[in-house]
Amino acid sequence: MSIKFKVDYITPIGKDLYVVNTGDWRYQRPVTNRDKCRKCGACWLVCPTNSRHALATHYETNLDFCKGCGLCATECPARAIRMAEETRE
């Protein structure tokens, strides 16, 4: 199941502004176990790209902007997030 979020990160490059998908170069991605997630927000607080978003029962990652740094998985007190190797189709 793929969840799309309406978020744009705009960065200046030269004289123009561009939308930058920082998730294009990641080699691993966070996978959330919905049953373990306590929805405490620790992952949201440490995410440097603000890629974590609260849903009704858990937090989910916007993979368009996730850099795959693993901070969310490291800081999750419930161990609900694991990092999985990124695969390209």
C-alpha atoms as a PDB file:
ATOM      1  CA  MET A   1       0.000   0.000   0.000  1.00  0.00           C
ATOM      2  CA  SER A   2       1.511   3.300  -1.071  1.00  0.00           C
ATOM      3  CA  ILE A   3       0.482   6.469   0.697  1.00  0.00           C
ATOM      4  CA  LYS A   4       0.999   9.766  -1.088  1.00  0.00           C
ATOM      5  CA  PHE A   5       1.227  13.003   0.852  1.00  0.00           C
ATOM      6  CA  LYS A   6       0.758  16.483  -0.612  1.00  0.00           C
ATOM      7  CA  VAL A   7       4.044  18.051   0.489  1.00  0.00           C
ATOM      8  CA  ASP A   8       6.461  20.109  -1.571  1.00  0.00           C
ATOM      9  CA  TYR A   9       9.944  21.097  -0.497  1.00  0.00           C
ATOM     10  CA  ILE A  10      11.169  24.052  -2.494  1.00  0.00           C
ATOM     11  CA  THR A  11      14.836  24.949  -2.680  1.00  0.00           C
ATOM     12  CA  PRO A  12      16.619  27.771  -4.460  1.00  0.00           C
ATOM     13  CA  ILE A  13      19.021  26.708  -7.198  1.00  0.00           C
ATOM     14  CA  GLY A  14      20.589  29.671  -8.924  1.00  0.00           C
ATOM     15  CA  LYS A  15      17.834  32.163  -9.672  1.00  0.00           C
ATOM     16  CA  ASP A  16      15.003  29.597  -9.766  1.00  0.00           C
ATOM     17  CA  LEU A  17      13.095  27.507  -7.218  1.00  0.00           C
ATOM     18  CA  TYR A  18      12.742  23.739  -7.673  1.00  0.00           C
ATOM     19  CA  VAL A  19      10.821  20.979  -5.907  1.00  0.00           C
ATOM     20  CA  VAL A  20      13.429  18.528  -4.645  1.00  0.00           C
ATOM     21  CA  ASN A  21      12.573  14.903  -3.909  1.00  0.00           C
ATOM     22  CA  THR A  22      15.274  14.025  -1.407  1.00  0.00           C
ATOM     23  CA  GLY A  23      14.151  10.390  -1.372  1.00  0.00           C
ATOM     24  CA  ASP A  24      15.516   9.725  -4.858  1.00  0.00           C
ATOM     25  CA  TRP A  25      18.973   8.736  -3.612  1.00  0.00           C
ATOM     26  CA  ARG A  26      18.209   6.671  -0.505  1.00  0.00           C
ATOM     27  CA  TYR A  27      19.490   3.067  -0.223  1.00  0.00           C
ATOM     28  CA  GLN A  28      17.275   2.029   2.701  1.00  0.00           C
ATOM     29  CA  ARG A  29      13.763   2.958   3.772  1.00  0.00           C
ATOM     30  CA  PRO A  30      11.824   2.810   7.042  1.00  0.00           C
ATOM     31  CA  VAL A  31       9.077   0.202   7.366  1.00  0.00           C
ATOM     32  CA  THR A  32       6.585   0.746  10.206  1.00  0.00           C
ATOM     33  CA  ASN A  33       4.948  -2.132  12.082  1.00  0.00           C
ATOM     34  CA  ARG A  34       1.477  -0.667  12.650  1.00  0.00           C
ATOM     35  CA  ASP A  35       0.711  -3.054  15.512  1.00  0.00           C
ATOM     36  CA  LYS A  36       3.773  -1.973  17.510  1.00  0.00           C
ATOM     37  CA  CYS A  37       3.493   1.780  16.864  1.00  0.00           C
ATOM     38  CA  ARG A  38       2.378   3.658  19.998  1.00  0.00           C
ATOM     39  CA  LYS A  39       2.016   6.915  18.048  1.00  0.00           C
ATOM     40  CA  CYS A  40       4.331   8.680  20.511  1.00  0.00           C
ATOM     41  CA  GLY A  41       5.806  10.990  17.863  1.00  0.00           C
ATOM     42  CA  ALA A  42       9.489  10.282  18.605  1.00  0.00           C
ATOM     43  CA  CYS A  43      10.100   9.431  14.932  1.00  0.00           C
ATOM     44  CA  TRP A  44       8.372  12.614  13.831  1.00  0.00           C
ATOM     45  CA  LEU A  45      10.506  14.753  16.159  1.00  0.00           C
ATOM     46  CA  VAL A  46      13.865  13.439  14.894  1.00  0.00           C
ATOM     47  CA  CYS A  47      13.090  13.277  11.164  1.00  0.00           C
ATOM     48  CA  PRO A  48      15.338  15.861   9.434  1.00  0.00           C
ATOM     49  CA  THR A  49      13.100  16.070   6.337  1.00  0.00           C
ATOM     50  CA  ASN A  50       9.725  16.020   8.142  1.00  0.00           C
ATOM     51  CA  SER A  51       8.825  12.846   6.223  1.00  0.00           C
ATOM     52  CA  ARG A  52       6.893  11.200   9.062  1.00  0.00           C
ATOM     53  CA  HIS A  53       3.145  11.908   9.209  1.00  0.00           C
ATOM     54  CA  ALA A  54       0.512  10.849  11.728  1.00  0.00           C
ATOM     55  CA  LEU A  55      -2.338   8.672  10.531  1.00  0.00           C
ATOM     56  CA  ALA A  56      -5.235   7.409  12.656  1.00  0.00           C
ATOM     57  CA  THR A  57      -3.350   4.499  14.224  1.00  0.00           C
ATOM     58  CA  HIS A  58       0.351   5.005  13.429  1.00  0.00           C
ATOM     59  CA  TYR A  59       2.997   7.164  11.772  1.00  0.00           C
ATOM     60  CA  GLU A  60       3.817   6.601   8.106  1.00  0.00           C
ATOM     61  CA  THR A  61       6.696   7.843   5.944  1.00  0.00           C
ATOM     62  CA  ASN A  62       6.480   9.963   2.822  1.00  0.00           C
ATOM     63  CA  LEU A  63       9.094   8.122   0.761  1.00  0.00           C
ATOM     64  CA  ASP A  64       9.378  10.965  -1.775  1.00  0.00           C
ATOM     65  CA  PHE A  65      11.359  12.954   0.797  1.00  0.00           C
ATOM     66  CA  CYS A  66      12.752  10.334   3.205  1.00  0.00           C
ATOM     67  CA  LYS A  67      16.565  10.223   3.003  1.00  0.00           C
ATOM     68  CA  GLY A  68      16.814   6.802   4.656  1.00  0.00           C
ATOM     69  CA  CYS A  69      19.005   8.070   7.489  1.00  0.00           C
ATOM     70  CA  GLY A  70      17.472   5.650  10.032  1.00  0.00           C
ATOM     71  CA  LEU A  71      17.012   8.177  12.834  1.00  0.00           C
ATOM     72  CA  CYS A  72      13.343   7.260  13.151  1.00  0.00           C
ATOM     73  CA  ALA A  73      14.177   3.564  13.596  1.00  0.00           C
ATOM     74  CA  THR A  74      16.951   4.336  16.079  1.00  0.00           C
ATOM     75  CA  GLU A  75      14.797   6.595  18.251  1.00  0.00           C
ATOM     76  CA  CYS A  76      11.554   4.570  18.223  1.00  0.00           C
ATOM     77  CA  PRO A  77      11.025   3.368  21.828  1.00  0.00           C
ATOM     78  CA  ALA A  78       8.610   0.625  20.692  1.00  0.00           C
ATOM     79  CA  ARG A  79      10.999  -0.705  17.996  1.00  0.00           C
ATOM     80  CA  ALA A  80       8.111  -0.345  15.536  1.00  0.00           C
ATOM     81  CA  ILE A  81      10.341   0.870  12.686  1.00  0.00           C
ATOM     82  CA  ARG A  82      12.926  -1.194  10.853  1.00  0.00           C
ATOM     83  CA  MET A  83      15.117  -0.168   7.959  1.00  0.00           C
ATOM     84  CA  ALA A  84      14.748  -2.234   4.777  1.00  0.00           C
ATOM     85  CA  GLU A  85      16.980  -2.187   1.729  1.00  0.00           C
ATOM     86  CA  GLU A  86      15.553  -0.023  -1.021  1.00  0.00           C
ATOM     87  CA  THR A  87      14.637  -1.800  -4.227  1.00  0.00           C
ATOM     88  CA  ARG A  88      14.071  -0.092  -7.561  1.00  0.00           C
ATOM     89  CA  GLU A  89      11.552  -1.416 -10.038  1.00  0.00           C
END
